Amino acid sequence: MCQEPGRATECDIIAAPTLIKDEPPPSRRMVGDLSDRPKVLSNLAIVGGSK
């Protein structure tokens, strides 16, 4: 968003950090602490991605 601040308004983002997953549906959002990778992947319904 720092590179495209106008997109924050378009996406109704009022807090940072905000992570948005639009594809594949359903769309999901996560706001706040993104440091717990397994929690982020689980909340966004992303399978795999373990590193």
PDB file of N, CA and C in Angstrom:
ATOM      1  N   MET A   1       0.813  -1.194   0.000  1.00  0.00           N
ATOM      2  CA  MET A   1       0.000   0.000   0.000  1.00  0.00           C
ATOM      3  C   MET A   1       0.858   1.260   0.000  1.00  0.00           C
ATOM      4  N   CYS A   2       2.068   1.176   0.522  1.00  0.00           N
ATOM      5  CA  CYS A   2       2.924   2.359   0.530  1.00  0.00           C
ATOM      6  C   CYS A   2       3.202   2.842  -0.880  1.00  0.00           C
ATOM      7  N   GLN A   3       3.290   1.917  -1.811  1.00  0.00           N
ATOM      8  CA  GLN A   3       3.570   2.280  -3.186  1.00  0.00           C
ATOM      9  C   GLN A   3       2.313   2.765  -3.906  1.00  0.00           C
ATOM     10  N   GLU A   4       1.136   2.358  -3.419  1.00  0.00           N
ATOM     11  CA  GLU A   4      -0.128   2.749  -4.030  1.00  0.00           C
ATOM     12  C   GLU A   4      -1.129   3.132  -2.936  1.00  0.00           C
ATOM     13  N   PRO A   5      -0.927   4.259  -2.268  1.00  0.00           N
ATOM     14  CA  PRO A   5      -1.783   4.620  -1.136  1.00  0.00           C
ATOM     15  C   PRO A   5      -3.261   4.787  -1.500  1.00  0.00           C
ATOM     16  N   GLY A   6      -3.566   5.104  -2.729  1.00  0.00           N
ATOM     17  CA  GLY A   6      -4.957   5.248  -3.142  1.00  0.00           C
ATOM     18  C   GLY A   6      -5.730   3.945  -3.081  1.00  0.00           C
ATOM     19  N   ARG A   7      -5.044   2.816  -3.198  1.00  0.00           N
ATOM     20  CA  ARG A   7      -5.701   1.509  -3.144  1.00  0.00           C
ATOM     21  C   ARG A   7      -6.262   1.222  -1.764  1.00  0.00           C
ATOM     22  N   ALA A   8      -5.693   1.791  -0.717  1.00  0.00           N
ATOM     23  CA  ALA A   8      -6.215   1.574   0.637  1.00  0.00           C
ATOM     24  C   ALA A   8      -7.652   2.060   0.728  1.00  0.00           C
ATOM     25  N   THR A   9      -7.930   3.196   0.150  1.00  0.00           N
ATOM     26  CA  THR A   9      -9.285   3.730   0.150  1.00  0.00           C
ATOM     27  C   THR A   9     -10.213   2.846  -0.672  1.00  0.00           C
ATOM     28  N   GLU A  10      -9.754   2.406  -1.832  1.00  0.00           N
ATOM     29  CA  GLU A  10     -10.560   1.546  -2.698  1.00  0.00           C
ATOM     30  C   GLU A  10     -10.938   0.238  -2.007  1.00  0.00           C
ATOM     31  N   CYS A  11     -10.047  -0.292  -1.186  1.00  0.00           N
ATOM     32  CA  CYS A  11     -10.259  -1.585  -0.524  1.00  0.00           C
ATOM     33  C   CYS A  11     -10.841  -1.438   0.884  1.00  0.00           C
ATOM     34  N   ASP A  12     -11.195  -0.228   1.270  1.00  0.00           N
ATOM     35  CA  ASP A  12     -11.744   0.051   2.606  1.00  0.00           C
ATOM     36  C   ASP A  12     -10.801  -0.371   3.725  1.00  0.00           C
ATOM     37  N   ILE A  13      -9.508  -0.110   3.553  1.00  0.00           N
ATOM     38  CA  ILE A  13      -8.517  -0.436   4.571  1.00  0.00           C
ATOM     39  C   ILE A  13      -8.354   0.766   5.487  1.00  0.00           C
ATOM     40  N   ILE A  14      -8.586   0.529   6.787  1.00  0.00           N
ATOM     41  CA  ILE A  14      -8.449   1.605   7.762  1.00  0.00           C
ATOM     42  C   ILE A  14      -7.397   1.291   8.818  1.00  0.00           C
ATOM     43  N   ALA A  15      -6.791   0.093   8.728  1.00  0.00           N
ATOM     44  CA  ALA A  15      -5.761  -0.299   9.686  1.00  0.00           C
ATOM     45  C   ALA A  15      -4.612  -0.962   8.933  1.00  0.00           C
ATOM     46  N   ALA A  16      -3.439  -0.884   9.512  1.00  0.00           N
ATOM     47  CA  ALA A  16      -2.285  -1.529   8.881  1.00  0.00           C
ATOM     48  C   ALA A  16      -1.553  -2.340   9.940  1.00  0.00           C
ATOM     49  N   PRO A  17      -0.979  -3.451   9.659  1.00  0.00           N
ATOM     50  CA  PRO A  17      -1.012  -4.094   8.361  1.00  0.00           C
ATOM     51  C   PRO A  17      -2.344  -4.819   8.122  1.00  0.00           C
ATOM     52  N   THR A  18      -2.771  -4.838   6.877  1.00  0.00           N
ATOM     53  CA  THR A  18      -3.962  -5.568   6.449  1.00  0.00           C
ATOM     54  C   THR A  18      -3.566  -6.460   5.286  1.00  0.00           C
ATOM     55  N   LEU A  19      -3.917  -7.739   5.390  1.00  0.00           N
ATOM     56  CA  LEU A  19      -3.637  -8.692   4.328  1.00  0.00           C
ATOM     57  C   LEU A  19      -4.977  -9.139   3.758  1.00  0.00           C
ATOM     58  N   ILE A  20      -5.122  -9.058   2.429  1.00  0.00           N
ATOM     59  CA  ILE A  20      -6.369  -9.422   1.773  1.00  0.00           C
ATOM     60  C   ILE A  20      -6.102 -10.538   0.781  1.00  0.00           C
ATOM     61  N   LYS A  21      -6.910 -11.586   0.859  1.00  0.00           N
ATOM     62  CA  LYS A  21      -6.851 -12.688  -0.113  1.00  0.00           C
ATOM     63  C   LYS A  21      -8.164 -12.656  -0.877  1.00  0.00           C
ATOM     64  N   ASP A  22      -8.111 -12.300  -2.157  1.00  0.00           N
ATOM     65  CA  ASP A  22      -9.318 -12.239  -2.978  1.00  0.00           C
ATOM     66  C   ASP A  22      -9.552 -13.509  -3.782  1.00  0.00           C
ATOM     67  N   GLU A  23      -8.500 -14.159  -4.199  1.00  0.00           N
ATOM     68  CA  GLU A  23      -8.624 -15.355  -5.029  1.00  0.00           C
ATOM     69  C   GLU A  23      -7.906 -16.506  -4.383  1.00  0.00           C
ATOM     70  N   PRO A  24      -8.397 -17.689  -4.429  1.00  0.00           N
ATOM     71  CA  PRO A  24      -9.734 -18.064  -4.854  1.00  0.00           C
ATOM     72  C   PRO A  24     -10.753 -17.665  -3.793  1.00  0.00           C
ATOM     73  N   PRO A  25     -12.009 -17.478  -4.224  1.00  0.00           N
ATOM     74  CA  PRO A  25     -13.063 -17.114  -3.270  1.00  0.00           C
ATOM     75  C   PRO A  25     -13.186 -18.168  -2.175  1.00  0.00           C
ATOM     76  N   PRO A  26     -13.650 -17.841  -1.031  1.00  0.00           N
ATOM     77  CA  PRO A  26     -14.163 -16.545  -0.609  1.00  0.00           C
ATOM     78  C   PRO A  26     -13.034 -15.580  -0.243  1.00  0.00           C
ATOM     79  N   SER A  27     -13.302 -14.306  -0.366  1.00  0.00           N
ATOM     80  CA  SER A  27     -12.352 -13.269   0.016  1.00  0.00           C
ATOM     81  C   SER A  27     -12.197 -13.280   1.535  1.00  0.00           C
ATOM     82  N   ARG A  28     -10.971 -13.095   2.004  1.00  0.00           N
ATOM     83  CA  ARG A  28     -10.702 -13.056   3.448  1.00  0.00           C
ATOM     84  C   ARG A  28      -9.741 -11.928   3.746  1.00  0.00           C
ATOM     85  N   ARG A  29      -9.864 -11.357   4.970  1.00  0.00           N
ATOM     86  CA  ARG A  29      -8.990 -10.272   5.421  1.00  0.00           C
ATOM     87  C   ARG A  29      -8.415 -10.627   6.782  1.00  0.00           C
ATOM     88  N   MET A  30      -7.193 -10.177   6.997  1.00  0.00           N
ATOM     89  CA  MET A  30      -6.563 -10.330   8.298  1.00  0.00           C
ATOM     90  C   MET A  30      -5.880  -9.012   8.619  1.00  0.00           C
ATOM     91  N   VAL A  31      -6.150  -8.493   9.815  1.00  0.00           N
ATOM     92  CA  VAL A  31      -5.619  -7.201  10.238  1.00  0.00           C
ATOM     93  C   VAL A  31      -4.796  -7.407  11.499  1.00  0.00           C
ATOM     94  N   GLY A  32      -3.644  -6.753  11.559  1.00  0.00           N
ATOM     95  CA  GLY A  32      -2.839  -6.786  12.776  1.00  0.00           C
ATOM     96  C   GLY A  32      -1.587  -7.617  12.637  1.00  0.00           C
ATOM     97  N   ASP A  33      -1.295  -8.385  13.680  1.00  0.00           N
ATOM     98  CA  ASP A  33      -0.062  -9.158  13.771  1.00  0.00           C
ATOM     99  C   ASP A  33      -0.048 -10.279  12.737  1.00  0.00           C
ATOM    100  N   LEU A  34       0.891 -10.213  11.808  1.00  0.00           N
ATOM    101  CA  LEU A  34       1.017 -11.231  10.767  1.00  0.00           C
ATOM    102  C   LEU A  34       2.278 -12.080  10.968  1.00  0.00           C
ATOM    103  N   SER A  35       2.853 -12.054  12.167  1.00  0.00           N
ATOM    104  CA  SER A  35       4.115 -12.744  12.410  1.00  0.00           C
ATOM    105  C   SER A  35       3.959 -14.244  12.635  1.00  0.00           C
ATOM    106  N   ASP A  36       2.769 -14.713  12.987  1.00  0.00           N
ATOM    107  CA  ASP A  36       2.538 -16.139  13.219  1.00  0.00           C
ATOM    108  C   ASP A  36       2.073 -16.785  11.912  1.00  0.00           C
ATOM    109  N   ARG A  37       3.038 -17.259  11.123  1.00  0.00           N
ATOM    110  CA  ARG A  37       2.751 -17.782   9.776  1.00  0.00           C
ATOM    111  C   ARG A  37       1.664 -18.858   9.754  1.00  0.00           C
ATOM    112  N   PRO A  38       1.721 -19.902  10.619  1.00  0.00           N
ATOM    113  CA  PRO A  38       0.656 -20.918  10.597  1.00  0.00           C
ATOM    114  C   PRO A  38      -0.730 -20.320  10.870  1.00  0.00           C
ATOM    115  N   LYS A  39      -0.806 -19.362  11.769  1.00  0.00           N
ATOM    116  CA  LYS A  39      -2.089 -18.720  12.079  1.00  0.00           C
ATOM    117  C   LYS A  39      -2.598 -17.917  10.876  1.00  0.00           C
ATOM    118  N   VAL A  40      -1.702 -17.184  10.222  1.00  0.00           N
ATOM    119  CA  VAL A  40      -2.092 -16.393   9.050  1.00  0.00           C
ATOM    120  C   VAL A  40      -2.604 -17.319   7.953  1.00  0.00           C
ATOM    121  N   LEU A  41      -1.866 -18.383   7.643  1.00  0.00           N
ATOM    122  CA  LEU A  41      -2.277 -19.310   6.594  1.00  0.00           C
ATOM    123  C   LEU A  41      -3.611 -19.963   6.932  1.00  0.00           C
ATOM    124  N   SER A  42      -3.804 -20.327   8.182  1.00  0.00           N
ATOM    125  CA  SER A  42      -5.063 -20.932   8.614  1.00  0.00           C
ATOM    126  C   SER A  42      -6.227 -19.953   8.492  1.00  0.00           C
ATOM    127  N   ASN A  43      -6.044 -18.725   8.989  1.00  0.00           N
ATOM    128  CA  ASN A  43      -7.116 -17.732   8.944  1.00  0.00           C
ATOM    129  C   ASN A  43      -7.487 -17.339   7.521  1.00  0.00           C
ATOM    130  N   LEU A  44      -6.529 -17.395   6.607  1.00  0.00           N
ATOM    131  CA  LEU A  44      -6.807 -17.044   5.213  1.00  0.00           C
ATOM    132  C   LEU A  44      -7.196 -18.281   4.394  1.00  0.00           C
ATOM    133  N   ALA A  45      -7.294 -19.430   5.054  1.00  0.00           N
ATOM    134  CA  ALA A  45      -7.677 -20.695   4.408  1.00  0.00           C
ATOM    135  C   ALA A  45      -6.728 -21.034   3.268  1.00  0.00           C
ATOM    136  N   ILE A  46      -5.425 -20.890   3.536  1.00  0.00           N
ATOM    137  CA  ILE A  46      -4.405 -21.228   2.556  1.00  0.00           C
ATOM    138  C   ILE A  46      -3.771 -22.555   2.994  1.00  0.00           C
ATOM    139  N   VAL A  47      -3.771 -23.512   2.112  1.00  0.00           N
ATOM    140  CA  VAL A  47      -3.229 -24.831   2.415  1.00  0.00           C
ATOM    141  C   VAL A  47      -1.767 -24.876   1.996  1.00  0.00           C
ATOM    142  N   GLY A  48      -0.938 -25.516   2.809  1.00  0.00           N
ATOM    143  CA  GLY A  48       0.481 -25.630   2.474  1.00  0.00           C
ATOM    144  C   GLY A  48       1.228 -24.369   2.827  1.00  0.00           C
ATOM    145  N   GLY A  49       2.215 -24.040   2.023  1.00  0.00           N
ATOM    146  CA  GLY A  49       2.988 -22.827   2.231  1.00  0.00           C
ATOM    147  C   GLY A  49       3.935 -22.883   3.404  1.00  0.00           C
ATOM    148  N   SER A  50       4.255 -24.101   3.895  1.00  0.00           N
ATOM    149  CA  SER A  50       5.152 -24.190   5.049  1.00  0.00           C
ATOM    150  C   SER A  50       6.581 -23.936   4.642  1.00  0.00           C
ATOM    151  N   LYS A  51       7.258 -23.078   5.398  1.00  0.00           N
ATOM    152  CA  LYS A  51       8.680 -22.768   5.186  1.00  0.00           C
ATOM    153  C   LYS A  51       9.341 -22.620   6.517  1.00  0.00           C
TER     154      LYS A  51
END
